[in-house]
Amino acid sequence: MEPPPAPPAPREAPARHPLHEDLHALVTGTLIVALGVAMFGKAGLLTGGTAGLAFLLHYAVGIDFGWAFFLVNLPFYLFAWRRMGRDFTLKTFAAVSLLSVFSLLLPHGIGIDYLAPGLSAVLGGSLCGVGMLILFRHRASLGGMNVLVLYLQERLGWRAGTVQMGIDALIVLGALYIADLPRVAWSVAGAVVLNLVLAVNHRPGRYMAV
């Protein structure tokens, strides 16, 4: 009779990223997202979450996306501190601040004469997804709704996925007042591309974010 197979060896906890790697990731990730945001803005598209709210403010009242994004995220840091801890909150604040600055500066360094909405949705969504992936792997985010829905799920028992879907739906409906239906449809396509990048590349077991 064969002996039972030996249990798998315990998995060692991965080493944390040193500070210089985290700093490099914050700058690189937010710069890539800023380029994706510039492509969305050139084609008049938007996305979900706090970035979507910032785009709504940008299109509705003319405030720069960078300032709108920074201001919209301010109320969510309390939720981040309680739900995700100090280090995550500080990195997220740094990422949001960097993205706001890069979004303000990037138009002064790059000019795009024309960008079709469909191409903007694919390229912009892909770039934003890659940039966010870099941030996630260094225990940072771009703040906003994902922190809020996790907090509401923990405190009130509301399902995070359902709340997130409802918030994004309201943002898209709000866009119908300032954008035509084709641009809203392309905005939805861009959000799908972004989330596909995250879904394919950010799975538990494939990479341990530290």
N, C-alpha and C. Protein backbone atom coordinates (compact mmCIF):
# COMPACT_ATOMS: atom_id res chain seq x y z
N MET A 1 0.85 -1.20 0.00
CA MET A 1 0.00 0.00 0.00
C MET A 1 0.89 1.25 0.00
N GLU A 2 0.65 2.14 -0.96
CA GLU A 2 1.49 3.33 -1.09
C GLU A 2 1.16 4.34 0.01
N PRO A 3 2.19 5.02 0.52
CA PRO A 3 1.93 6.04 1.54
C PRO A 3 1.20 7.24 0.93
N PRO A 4 0.43 7.95 1.72
CA PRO A 4 -0.28 9.12 1.18
C PRO A 4 0.70 10.19 0.74
N PRO A 5 0.34 10.97 -0.26
CA PRO A 5 1.25 12.02 -0.74
C PRO A 5 1.53 13.03 0.35
N ALA A 6 2.75 13.54 0.33
CA ALA A 6 3.14 14.53 1.33
C ALA A 6 2.39 15.84 1.09
N PRO A 7 2.00 16.53 2.15
CA PRO A 7 1.30 17.81 1.96
C PRO A 7 2.24 18.82 1.32
N PRO A 8 1.68 19.76 0.54
CA PRO A 8 2.53 20.77 -0.12
C PRO A 8 3.26 21.62 0.91
N ALA A 9 4.46 22.02 0.55
CA ALA A 9 5.25 22.86 1.45
C ALA A 9 4.57 24.21 1.62
N PRO A 10 4.61 24.76 2.82
CA PRO A 10 3.97 26.07 3.03
C PRO A 10 4.60 27.13 2.15
N ARG A 11 3.74 28.01 1.65
CA ARG A 11 4.20 29.06 0.74
C ARG A 11 4.80 30.21 1.53
N GLU A 12 6.01 30.59 1.18
CA GLU A 12 6.67 31.67 1.88
C GLU A 12 6.05 33.01 1.48
N ALA A 13 5.94 33.87 2.45
CA ALA A 13 5.43 35.21 2.16
C ALA A 13 6.44 35.96 1.28
N PRO A 14 5.96 36.62 0.22
CA PRO A 14 6.89 37.33 -0.64
C PRO A 14 7.51 38.53 0.07
N ALA A 15 8.71 38.86 -0.33
CA ALA A 15 9.38 40.03 0.25
C ALA A 15 8.67 41.30 -0.20
N ARG A 16 8.62 42.28 0.68
CA ARG A 16 7.99 43.54 0.33
C ARG A 16 8.86 44.32 -0.65
N HIS A 17 8.19 45.12 -1.46
CA HIS A 17 8.94 45.97 -2.38
C HIS A 17 9.70 47.03 -1.59
N PRO A 18 10.96 47.27 -1.90
CA PRO A 18 11.67 48.37 -1.24
C PRO A 18 11.10 49.71 -1.69
N LEU A 19 11.45 50.76 -0.94
CA LEU A 19 10.87 52.08 -1.17
C LEU A 19 11.13 52.58 -2.58
N HIS A 20 12.34 52.39 -3.09
CA HIS A 20 12.65 52.93 -4.43
C HIS A 20 11.82 52.25 -5.51
N GLU A 21 11.48 50.98 -5.32
CA GLU A 21 10.62 50.29 -6.29
C GLU A 21 9.19 50.82 -6.22
N ASP A 22 8.69 51.08 -4.99
CA ASP A 22 7.36 51.65 -4.85
C ASP A 22 7.28 53.03 -5.50
N LEU A 23 8.31 53.85 -5.29
CA LEU A 23 8.32 55.19 -5.89
C LEU A 23 8.32 55.11 -7.41
N HIS A 24 9.14 54.20 -7.96
CA HIS A 24 9.19 54.03 -9.41
C HIS A 24 7.83 53.59 -9.94
N ALA A 25 7.16 52.67 -9.23
CA ALA A 25 5.86 52.18 -9.66
C ALA A 25 4.80 53.28 -9.61
N LEU A 26 4.82 54.10 -8.57
CA LEU A 26 3.85 55.19 -8.47
C LEU A 26 3.99 56.16 -9.63
N VAL A 27 5.22 56.52 -9.96
CA VAL A 27 5.44 57.47 -11.06
C VAL A 27 5.08 56.83 -12.40
N THR A 28 5.58 55.62 -12.64
CA THR A 28 5.33 54.96 -13.92
C THR A 28 3.85 54.65 -14.12
N GLY A 29 3.21 54.09 -13.09
CA GLY A 29 1.80 53.72 -13.22
C GLY A 29 0.92 54.92 -13.48
N THR A 30 1.11 56.00 -12.71
CA THR A 30 0.26 57.18 -12.89
C THR A 30 0.54 57.89 -14.21
N LEU A 31 1.78 57.86 -14.69
CA LEU A 31 2.09 58.48 -15.98
C LEU A 31 1.40 57.73 -17.11
N ILE A 32 1.37 56.40 -17.04
CA ILE A 32 0.69 55.61 -18.06
C ILE A 32 -0.81 55.87 -18.02
N VAL A 33 -1.39 55.92 -16.82
CA VAL A 33 -2.82 56.22 -16.70
C VAL A 33 -3.12 57.61 -17.24
N ALA A 34 -2.23 58.57 -16.95
CA ALA A 34 -2.45 59.94 -17.44
C ALA A 34 -2.51 59.98 -18.96
N LEU A 35 -1.68 59.18 -19.63
CA LEU A 35 -1.72 59.13 -21.08
C LEU A 35 -3.04 58.52 -21.56
N GLY A 36 -3.51 57.48 -20.88
CA GLY A 36 -4.81 56.90 -21.22
C GLY A 36 -5.93 57.90 -21.01
N VAL A 37 -5.88 58.65 -19.92
CA VAL A 37 -6.89 59.67 -19.63
C VAL A 37 -6.87 60.75 -20.71
N ALA A 38 -5.67 61.13 -21.17
CA ALA A 38 -5.57 62.13 -22.24
C ALA A 38 -6.25 61.65 -23.51
N MET A 39 -6.13 60.35 -23.79
CA MET A 39 -6.79 59.79 -24.98
C MET A 39 -8.31 59.79 -24.81
N PHE A 40 -8.78 59.44 -23.61
CA PHE A 40 -10.22 59.52 -23.37
C PHE A 40 -10.72 60.95 -23.56
N GLY A 41 -9.98 61.90 -22.98
CA GLY A 41 -10.40 63.29 -23.06
C GLY A 41 -10.41 63.83 -24.47
N LYS A 42 -9.42 63.42 -25.30
CA LYS A 42 -9.35 63.90 -26.67
C LYS A 42 -10.57 63.47 -27.47
N ALA A 43 -11.08 62.26 -27.20
CA ALA A 43 -12.24 61.74 -27.93
C ALA A 43 -13.56 62.06 -27.23
N GLY A 44 -13.51 62.76 -26.10
CA GLY A 44 -14.73 63.11 -25.39
C GLY A 44 -15.36 61.93 -24.66
N LEU A 45 -14.54 60.96 -24.25
CA LEU A 45 -15.06 59.79 -23.55
C LEU A 45 -14.87 59.95 -22.05
N LEU A 46 -15.46 59.05 -21.29
CA LEU A 46 -15.27 59.02 -19.84
C LEU A 46 -15.25 57.58 -19.39
N THR A 47 -15.08 57.38 -18.09
CA THR A 47 -15.04 56.03 -17.55
C THR A 47 -15.79 56.02 -16.23
N GLY A 48 -15.75 54.90 -15.50
CA GLY A 48 -16.49 54.80 -14.26
C GLY A 48 -15.70 55.30 -13.07
N GLY A 49 -16.27 55.16 -11.86
CA GLY A 49 -15.59 55.51 -10.63
C GLY A 49 -15.35 57.01 -10.50
N THR A 50 -14.39 57.36 -9.65
CA THR A 50 -14.10 58.78 -9.44
C THR A 50 -13.52 59.44 -10.68
N ALA A 51 -12.84 58.67 -11.52
CA ALA A 51 -12.36 59.24 -12.79
C ALA A 51 -13.54 59.66 -13.65
N GLY A 52 -14.60 58.85 -13.65
CA GLY A 52 -15.81 59.21 -14.38
C GLY A 52 -16.45 60.47 -13.83
N LEU A 53 -16.51 60.60 -12.50
CA LEU A 53 -17.04 61.83 -11.90
C LEU A 53 -16.19 63.04 -12.28
N ALA A 54 -14.87 62.84 -12.28
CA ALA A 54 -13.99 63.94 -12.66
C ALA A 54 -14.21 64.36 -14.11
N PHE A 55 -14.41 63.38 -14.99
CA PHE A 55 -14.70 63.70 -16.38
C PHE A 55 -16.03 64.44 -16.51
N LEU A 56 -17.05 64.03 -15.73
CA LEU A 56 -18.33 64.72 -15.77
C LEU A 56 -18.17 66.19 -15.38
N LEU A 57 -17.40 66.44 -14.32
CA LEU A 57 -17.14 67.83 -13.92
C LEU A 57 -16.36 68.57 -15.00
N HIS A 58 -15.40 67.87 -15.60
CA HIS A 58 -14.58 68.49 -16.66
C HIS A 58 -15.45 68.91 -17.85
N TYR A 59 -16.32 68.01 -18.29
CA TYR A 59 -17.15 68.30 -19.45
C TYR A 59 -18.27 69.28 -19.12
N ALA A 60 -18.82 69.22 -17.89
CA ALA A 60 -19.98 70.02 -17.54
C ALA A 60 -19.62 71.46 -17.20
N VAL A 61 -18.56 71.67 -16.42
CA VAL A 61 -18.25 73.03 -15.96
C VAL A 61 -16.89 73.52 -16.42
N GLY A 62 -16.11 72.67 -17.10
CA GLY A 62 -14.85 73.12 -17.67
C GLY A 62 -13.65 73.05 -16.75
N ILE A 63 -13.80 72.53 -15.54
CA ILE A 63 -12.66 72.40 -14.64
C ILE A 63 -11.68 71.37 -15.20
N ASP A 64 -10.38 71.60 -15.05
CA ASP A 64 -9.38 70.65 -15.53
C ASP A 64 -9.59 69.28 -14.88
N PHE A 65 -9.38 68.22 -15.67
CA PHE A 65 -9.56 66.87 -15.13
C PHE A 65 -8.67 66.64 -13.92
N GLY A 66 -7.42 67.11 -13.97
CA GLY A 66 -6.49 66.88 -12.87
C GLY A 66 -7.01 67.42 -11.55
N TRP A 67 -7.49 68.68 -11.56
CA TRP A 67 -8.04 69.26 -10.33
C TRP A 67 -9.32 68.55 -9.91
N ALA A 68 -10.18 68.24 -10.87
CA ALA A 68 -11.44 67.56 -10.55
C ALA A 68 -11.18 66.19 -9.92
N PHE A 69 -10.22 65.46 -10.48
CA PHE A 69 -9.91 64.13 -9.96
C PHE A 69 -9.37 64.20 -8.54
N PHE A 70 -8.50 65.17 -8.29
CA PHE A 70 -7.93 65.32 -6.95
C PHE A 70 -9.02 65.66 -5.93
N LEU A 71 -9.91 66.58 -6.28
CA LEU A 71 -10.95 67.02 -5.34
C LEU A 71 -11.99 65.93 -5.10
N VAL A 72 -12.37 65.22 -6.14
CA VAL A 72 -13.39 64.17 -5.99
C VAL A 72 -12.91 63.07 -5.06
N ASN A 73 -11.61 62.80 -5.05
CA ASN A 73 -11.07 61.71 -4.24
C ASN A 73 -10.90 62.06 -2.77
N LEU A 74 -10.93 63.33 -2.40
CA LEU A 74 -10.65 63.72 -1.02
C LEU A 74 -11.52 63.01 0.01
N PRO A 75 -12.85 62.89 -0.19
CA PRO A 75 -13.67 62.26 0.85
C PRO A 75 -13.38 60.78 1.06
N PHE A 76 -12.71 60.13 0.12
CA PHE A 76 -12.55 58.67 0.19
C PHE A 76 -11.33 58.24 0.99
N TYR A 77 -10.47 59.18 1.36
CA TYR A 77 -9.27 58.77 2.10
C TYR A 77 -9.61 58.26 3.50
N LEU A 78 -10.68 58.77 4.09
CA LEU A 78 -11.09 58.27 5.40
C LEU A 78 -11.48 56.80 5.31
N PHE A 79 -12.23 56.46 4.26
CA PHE A 79 -12.61 55.06 4.06
C PHE A 79 -11.38 54.20 3.81
N ALA A 80 -10.44 54.72 3.02
CA ALA A 80 -9.22 53.95 2.73
C ALA A 80 -8.43 53.70 4.01
N TRP A 81 -8.32 54.72 4.86
CA TRP A 81 -7.55 54.58 6.09
C TRP A 81 -8.16 53.50 6.98
N ARG A 82 -9.49 53.50 7.10
CA ARG A 82 -10.16 52.53 7.96
C ARG A 82 -10.16 51.13 7.35
N ARG A 83 -10.33 51.06 6.05
CA ARG A 83 -10.51 49.75 5.41
C ARG A 83 -9.20 49.09 5.02
N MET A 84 -8.22 49.88 4.53
CA MET A 84 -7.01 49.32 3.94
C MET A 84 -5.74 49.64 4.72
N GLY A 85 -5.81 50.56 5.68
CA GLY A 85 -4.63 50.85 6.49
C GLY A 85 -3.86 52.08 6.04
N ARG A 86 -2.88 52.45 6.86
CA ARG A 86 -2.13 53.68 6.63
C ARG A 86 -1.29 53.64 5.36
N ASP A 87 -0.50 52.57 5.17
CA ASP A 87 0.42 52.52 4.03
C ASP A 87 -0.33 52.60 2.71
N PHE A 88 -1.42 51.82 2.60
CA PHE A 88 -2.22 51.84 1.38
C PHE A 88 -2.78 53.23 1.13
N THR A 89 -3.28 53.88 2.18
CA THR A 89 -3.87 55.21 2.03
C THR A 89 -2.84 56.23 1.58
N LEU A 90 -1.65 56.19 2.18
CA LEU A 90 -0.61 57.15 1.81
C LEU A 90 -0.15 56.94 0.36
N LYS A 91 0.01 55.68 -0.04
CA LYS A 91 0.39 55.41 -1.42
C LYS A 91 -0.71 55.85 -2.39
N THR A 92 -1.96 55.61 -1.99
CA THR A 92 -3.08 56.01 -2.85
C THR A 92 -3.15 57.52 -2.98
N PHE A 93 -2.94 58.24 -1.87
CA PHE A 93 -2.92 59.71 -1.93
C PHE A 93 -1.81 60.18 -2.87
N ALA A 94 -0.64 59.55 -2.78
CA ALA A 94 0.47 59.92 -3.67
C ALA A 94 0.12 59.64 -5.13
N ALA A 95 -0.53 58.48 -5.38
CA ALA A 95 -0.88 58.13 -6.76
C ALA A 95 -1.92 59.09 -7.32
N VAL A 96 -2.93 59.42 -6.53
CA VAL A 96 -3.96 60.37 -6.99
C VAL A 96 -3.34 61.73 -7.26
N SER A 97 -2.45 62.18 -6.37
CA SER A 97 -1.80 63.48 -6.56
C SER A 97 -0.93 63.49 -7.81
N LEU A 98 -0.17 62.42 -8.03
CA LEU A 98 0.67 62.34 -9.22
C LEU A 98 -0.16 62.33 -10.49
N LEU A 99 -1.25 61.55 -10.50
CA LEU A 99 -2.10 61.51 -11.69
C LEU A 99 -2.71 62.88 -11.97
N SER A 100 -3.11 63.58 -10.91
CA SER A 100 -3.66 64.92 -11.10
C SER A 100 -2.63 65.85 -11.72
N VAL A 101 -1.41 65.80 -11.22
CA VAL A 101 -0.34 66.67 -11.75
C VAL A 101 -0.01 66.30 -13.19
N PHE A 102 0.17 65.01 -13.45
CA PHE A 102 0.51 64.57 -14.81
C PHE A 102 -0.61 64.93 -15.79
N SER A 103 -1.86 64.82 -15.36
CA SER A 103 -2.98 65.16 -16.24
C SER A 103 -2.99 66.64 -16.59
N LEU A 104 -2.52 67.47 -15.67
CA LEU A 104 -2.42 68.90 -15.93
C LEU A 104 -1.24 69.24 -16.84
N LEU A 105 -0.12 68.52 -16.67
CA LEU A 105 1.10 68.84 -17.40
C LEU A 105 1.17 68.18 -18.78
N LEU A 106 0.58 66.99 -18.91
CA LEU A 106 0.75 66.22 -20.14
C LEU A 106 0.32 66.98 -21.40
N PRO A 107 -0.80 67.72 -21.39
CA PRO A 107 -1.19 68.45 -22.60
C PRO A 107 -0.16 69.47 -23.05
N HIS A 108 0.72 69.90 -22.15
CA HIS A 108 1.77 70.86 -22.54
C HIS A 108 2.97 70.17 -23.18
N GLY A 109 3.01 68.85 -23.10
CA GLY A 109 4.15 68.13 -23.65
C GLY A 109 3.81 67.22 -24.81
N ILE A 110 2.51 67.00 -25.06
CA ILE A 110 2.10 66.12 -26.15
C ILE A 110 0.80 66.65 -26.75
N GLY A 111 0.72 66.60 -28.06
CA GLY A 111 -0.48 67.06 -28.75
C GLY A 111 -1.02 65.99 -29.68
N ILE A 112 -2.32 65.77 -29.66
CA ILE A 112 -2.97 64.77 -30.52
C ILE A 112 -3.98 65.51 -31.37
N ASP A 113 -3.77 65.53 -32.68
CA ASP A 113 -4.68 66.26 -33.56
C ASP A 113 -6.02 65.56 -33.73
N TYR A 114 -6.01 64.24 -33.84
CA TYR A 114 -7.27 63.50 -34.02
C TYR A 114 -7.10 62.10 -33.45
N LEU A 115 -8.15 61.63 -32.80
CA LEU A 115 -8.16 60.28 -32.25
C LEU A 115 -9.60 59.76 -32.32
N ALA A 116 -9.82 58.73 -33.12
CA ALA A 116 -11.16 58.17 -33.29
C ALA A 116 -11.65 57.61 -31.95
N PRO A 117 -12.94 57.76 -31.65
CA PRO A 117 -13.47 57.28 -30.37
C PRO A 117 -13.21 55.80 -30.13
N GLY A 118 -13.35 54.97 -31.17
CA GLY A 118 -13.11 53.54 -31.00
C GLY A 118 -11.67 53.24 -30.62
N LEU A 119 -10.72 53.90 -31.30
CA LEU A 119 -9.31 53.70 -30.98
C LEU A 119 -8.99 54.25 -29.60
N SER A 120 -9.61 55.38 -29.27
CA SER A 120 -9.41 55.95 -27.94
C SER A 120 -9.89 55.00 -26.86
N ALA A 121 -11.03 54.34 -27.08
CA ALA A 121 -11.56 53.41 -26.09
C ALA A 121 -10.59 52.25 -25.87
N VAL A 122 -10.02 51.71 -26.97
CA VAL A 122 -9.13 50.55 -26.86
C VAL A 122 -7.78 50.95 -26.26
N LEU A 123 -7.15 51.99 -26.84
CA LEU A 123 -5.84 52.40 -26.36
C LEU A 123 -5.91 53.01 -24.96
N GLY A 124 -6.87 53.92 -24.76
CA GLY A 124 -7.00 54.56 -23.46
C GLY A 124 -7.36 53.57 -22.38
N GLY A 125 -8.29 52.66 -22.66
CA GLY A 125 -8.65 51.65 -21.67
C GLY A 125 -7.51 50.71 -21.35
N SER A 126 -6.74 50.33 -22.37
CA SER A 126 -5.59 49.44 -22.15
C SER A 126 -4.52 50.12 -21.31
N LEU A 127 -4.21 51.38 -21.65
CA LEU A 127 -3.18 52.10 -20.89
C LEU A 127 -3.61 52.30 -19.44
N CYS A 128 -4.85 52.69 -19.22
CA CYS A 128 -5.33 52.87 -17.84
C CYS A 128 -5.27 51.54 -17.07
N GLY A 129 -5.64 50.45 -17.73
CA GLY A 129 -5.60 49.15 -17.07
C GLY A 129 -4.18 48.75 -16.69
N VAL A 130 -3.23 48.95 -17.61
CA VAL A 130 -1.83 48.61 -17.32
C VAL A 130 -1.29 49.48 -16.18
N GLY A 131 -1.58 50.77 -16.22
CA GLY A 131 -1.11 51.66 -15.16
C GLY A 131 -1.68 51.28 -13.81
N MET A 132 -2.97 50.96 -13.76
CA MET A 132 -3.60 50.56 -12.50
C MET A 132 -3.03 49.23 -12.02
N LEU A 133 -2.73 48.34 -12.95
CA LEU A 133 -2.13 47.05 -12.58
C LEU A 133 -0.79 47.26 -11.87
N ILE A 134 0.02 48.17 -12.39
CA ILE A 134 1.30 48.48 -11.74
C ILE A 134 1.06 48.98 -10.32
N LEU A 135 0.08 49.86 -10.15
CA LEU A 135 -0.20 50.40 -8.82
C LEU A 135 -0.70 49.31 -7.87
N PHE A 136 -1.61 48.46 -8.36
CA PHE A 136 -2.15 47.39 -7.51
C PHE A 136 -1.04 46.49 -7.00
N ARG A 137 -0.06 46.20 -7.85
CA ARG A 137 1.01 45.29 -7.46
C ARG A 137 1.97 45.91 -6.46
N HIS A 138 1.80 47.19 -6.20
CA HIS A 138 2.60 47.85 -5.17
C HIS A 138 1.72 48.41 -4.06
N ARG A 139 0.57 47.77 -3.86
CA ARG A 139 -0.34 48.11 -2.78
C ARG A 139 -0.73 49.58 -2.79
N ALA A 140 -1.16 50.03 -3.98
CA ALA A 140 -1.67 51.38 -4.13
C ALA A 140 -2.86 51.32 -5.08
N SER A 141 -3.60 52.40 -5.15
CA SER A 141 -4.73 52.47 -6.08
C SER A 141 -4.93 53.92 -6.47
N LEU A 142 -5.96 54.17 -7.26
CA LEU A 142 -6.32 55.53 -7.61
C LEU A 142 -7.53 55.99 -6.82
N GLY A 143 -7.75 55.35 -5.66
CA GLY A 143 -8.74 55.81 -4.70
C GLY A 143 -10.17 55.59 -5.16
N GLY A 144 -11.08 56.24 -4.45
CA GLY A 144 -12.44 56.34 -4.90
C GLY A 144 -13.36 55.20 -4.57
N MET A 145 -14.14 54.80 -5.58
CA MET A 145 -15.31 53.96 -5.37
C MET A 145 -14.97 52.57 -4.86
N ASN A 146 -13.85 51.99 -5.32
CA ASN A 146 -13.55 50.62 -4.89
C ASN A 146 -13.31 50.57 -3.39
N VAL A 147 -12.71 51.60 -2.82
CA VAL A 147 -12.54 51.65 -1.37
C VAL A 147 -13.89 51.85 -0.68
N LEU A 148 -14.73 52.72 -1.23
CA LEU A 148 -16.03 52.99 -0.64
C LEU A 148 -16.92 51.75 -0.60
N VAL A 149 -16.98 51.02 -1.71
CA VAL A 149 -17.88 49.86 -1.74
C VAL A 149 -17.40 48.76 -0.79
N LEU A 150 -16.08 48.63 -0.63
CA LEU A 150 -15.57 47.66 0.34
C LEU A 150 -15.94 48.07 1.76
N TYR A 151 -15.89 49.36 2.03
CA TYR A 151 -16.27 49.86 3.35
C TYR A 151 -17.75 49.62 3.62
N LEU A 152 -18.61 49.90 2.64
CA LEU A 152 -20.05 49.69 2.81
C LEU A 152 -20.38 48.21 2.96
N GLN A 153 -19.65 47.36 2.27
CA GLN A 153 -19.88 45.93 2.41
C GLN A 153 -19.53 45.46 3.82
N GLU A 154 -18.44 45.99 4.37
CA GLU A 154 -18.00 45.58 5.70
C GLU A 154 -18.93 46.11 6.79
N ARG A 155 -19.35 47.37 6.67
CA ARG A 155 -20.14 48.00 7.72
C ARG A 155 -21.64 47.71 7.61
N LEU A 156 -22.18 47.69 6.38
CA LEU A 156 -23.62 47.58 6.19
C LEU A 156 -24.05 46.27 5.55
N GLY A 157 -23.09 45.46 5.07
CA GLY A 157 -23.43 44.19 4.45
C GLY A 157 -23.89 44.31 3.01
N TRP A 158 -23.72 45.49 2.41
CA TRP A 158 -24.11 45.67 1.01
C TRP A 158 -23.06 45.00 0.11
N ARG A 159 -23.52 44.25 -0.88
CA ARG A 159 -22.59 43.54 -1.76
C ARG A 159 -21.80 44.54 -2.60
N ALA A 160 -20.47 44.41 -2.54
CA ALA A 160 -19.59 45.38 -3.19
C ALA A 160 -19.83 45.44 -4.70
N GLY A 161 -19.96 44.27 -5.35
CA GLY A 161 -20.14 44.26 -6.79
C GLY A 161 -21.41 44.95 -7.23
N THR A 162 -22.49 44.74 -6.46
CA THR A 162 -23.77 45.36 -6.80
C THR A 162 -23.70 46.87 -6.63
N VAL A 163 -23.10 47.32 -5.52
CA VAL A 163 -22.99 48.76 -5.28
C VAL A 163 -22.12 49.41 -6.35
N GLN A 164 -21.00 48.78 -6.70
CA GLN A 164 -20.11 49.33 -7.72
C GLN A 164 -20.83 49.44 -9.06
N MET A 165 -21.59 48.40 -9.41
CA MET A 165 -22.32 48.43 -10.67
C MET A 165 -23.35 49.56 -10.68
N GLY A 166 -24.03 49.76 -9.54
CA GLY A 166 -25.03 50.83 -9.47
C GLY A 166 -24.40 52.20 -9.59
N ILE A 167 -23.27 52.41 -8.94
CA ILE A 167 -22.59 53.71 -9.01
C ILE A 167 -22.13 54.00 -10.43
N ASP A 168 -21.50 53.02 -11.08
CA ASP A 168 -21.03 53.22 -12.45
C ASP A 168 -22.19 53.47 -13.40
N ALA A 169 -23.32 52.79 -13.16
CA ALA A 169 -24.50 53.00 -14.00
C ALA A 169 -25.01 54.44 -13.87
N LEU A 170 -25.01 54.97 -12.65
CA LEU A 170 -25.44 56.35 -12.44
C LEU A 170 -24.50 57.33 -13.14
N ILE A 171 -23.20 57.05 -13.09
CA ILE A 171 -22.23 57.93 -13.75
C ILE A 171 -22.46 57.94 -15.26
N VAL A 172 -22.68 56.75 -15.83
CA VAL A 172 -22.93 56.66 -17.28
C VAL A 172 -24.22 57.37 -17.64
N LEU A 173 -25.27 57.19 -16.82
CA LEU A 173 -26.53 57.89 -17.09
C LEU A 173 -26.34 59.40 -17.03
N GLY A 174 -25.52 59.84 -16.07
CA GLY A 174 -25.23 61.27 -15.99
C GLY A 174 -24.54 61.78 -17.23
N ALA A 175 -23.73 60.93 -17.85
CA ALA A 175 -23.02 61.34 -19.07
C ALA A 175 -23.98 61.60 -20.23
N LEU A 176 -25.17 61.00 -20.20
CA LEU A 176 -26.12 61.19 -21.29
C LEU A 176 -26.59 62.64 -21.39
N TYR A 177 -26.44 63.41 -20.30
CA TYR A 177 -26.86 64.81 -20.32
C TYR A 177 -25.82 65.72 -20.96
N ILE A 178 -24.59 65.24 -21.09
CA ILE A 178 -23.54 66.10 -21.63
C ILE A 178 -22.84 65.48 -22.83
N ALA A 179 -23.17 64.24 -23.20
CA ALA A 179 -22.52 63.57 -24.33
C ALA A 179 -23.57 62.80 -25.11
N ASP A 180 -23.31 62.60 -26.40
CA ASP A 180 -24.27 61.86 -27.22
C ASP A 180 -24.13 60.36 -26.96
N LEU A 181 -25.13 59.61 -27.42
CA LEU A 181 -25.18 58.18 -27.14
C LEU A 181 -23.98 57.42 -27.68
N PRO A 182 -23.48 57.71 -28.91
CA PRO A 182 -22.29 56.98 -29.40
C PRO A 182 -21.07 57.16 -28.49
N ARG A 183 -20.85 58.35 -27.97
CA ARG A 183 -19.70 58.56 -27.09
C ARG A 183 -19.88 57.83 -25.76
N VAL A 184 -21.10 57.79 -25.28
CA VAL A 184 -21.34 57.03 -24.06
C VAL A 184 -21.09 55.54 -24.31
N ALA A 185 -21.52 55.05 -25.48
CA ALA A 185 -21.30 53.64 -25.82
C ALA A 185 -19.81 53.33 -25.92
N TRP A 186 -19.04 54.23 -26.53
CA TRP A 186 -17.59 54.01 -26.61
C TRP A 186 -16.94 54.11 -25.23
N SER A 187 -17.51 54.95 -24.37
CA SER A 187 -17.00 55.03 -23.01
C SER A 187 -17.18 53.71 -22.28
N VAL A 188 -18.34 53.07 -22.49
CA VAL A 188 -18.59 51.76 -21.89
C VAL A 188 -17.58 50.75 -22.43
N ALA A 189 -17.31 50.81 -23.74
CA ALA A 189 -16.34 49.90 -24.35
C ALA A 189 -14.95 50.10 -23.74
N GLY A 190 -14.57 51.37 -23.51
CA GLY A 190 -13.27 51.64 -22.89
C GLY A 190 -13.18 51.07 -21.49
N ALA A 191 -14.28 51.17 -20.73
CA ALA A 191 -14.30 50.62 -19.38
C ALA A 191 -14.17 49.10 -19.41
N VAL A 192 -14.80 48.47 -20.41
CA VAL A 192 -14.70 47.01 -20.55
C VAL A 192 -13.25 46.61 -20.85
N VAL A 193 -12.60 47.34 -21.76
CA VAL A 193 -11.20 47.04 -22.09
C VAL A 193 -10.33 47.18 -20.85
N LEU A 194 -10.53 48.26 -20.09
CA LEU A 194 -9.75 48.48 -18.88
C LEU A 194 -9.91 47.31 -17.90
N ASN A 195 -11.15 46.91 -17.66
CA ASN A 195 -11.39 45.84 -16.70
C ASN A 195 -10.92 44.48 -17.20
N LEU A 196 -10.90 44.28 -18.51
CA LEU A 196 -10.35 43.04 -19.05
C LEU A 196 -8.85 42.95 -18.77
N VAL A 197 -8.15 44.06 -18.93
CA VAL A 197 -6.72 44.07 -18.63
C VAL A 197 -6.48 43.65 -17.18
N LEU A 198 -7.28 44.19 -16.26
CA LEU A 198 -7.12 43.85 -14.85
C LEU A 198 -7.52 42.41 -14.57
N ALA A 199 -8.63 41.95 -15.18
CA ALA A 199 -9.13 40.61 -14.91
C ALA A 199 -8.16 39.54 -15.40
N VAL A 200 -7.52 39.77 -16.53
CA VAL A 200 -6.62 38.77 -17.10
C VAL A 200 -5.28 38.74 -16.37
N ASN A 201 -4.84 39.90 -15.90
CA ASN A 201 -3.48 40.01 -15.37
C ASN A 201 -3.38 40.15 -13.86
N HIS A 202 -4.49 40.36 -13.18
CA HIS A 202 -4.43 40.54 -11.73
C HIS A 202 -5.31 39.49 -11.05
N ARG A 203 -4.77 38.28 -10.97
CA ARG A 203 -5.51 37.17 -10.37
C ARG A 203 -4.75 36.63 -9.15
N PRO A 204 -5.49 36.30 -8.08
CA PRO A 204 -4.81 35.69 -6.92
C PRO A 204 -4.09 34.41 -7.32
N GLY A 205 -2.87 34.24 -6.84
CA GLY A 205 -2.09 33.04 -7.15
C GLY A 205 -1.11 33.26 -8.27
N ARG A 206 -1.39 34.18 -9.17
CA ARG A 206 -0.45 34.45 -10.26
C ARG A 206 0.59 35.47 -9.85
N TYR A 207 0.16 36.42 -9.03
CA TYR A 207 1.10 37.44 -8.56
C TYR A 207 0.63 37.86 -7.18
N MET A 208 1.52 37.87 -6.22
CA MET A 208 1.19 38.29 -4.87
C MET A 208 1.58 39.74 -4.70
N ALA A 209 0.57 40.63 -4.62
CA ALA A 209 0.87 42.05 -4.44
C ALA A 209 1.35 42.29 -3.03
N VAL A 210 2.48 42.97 -2.89
CA VAL A 210 3.06 43.20 -1.57
C VAL A 210 3.35 44.69 -1.41
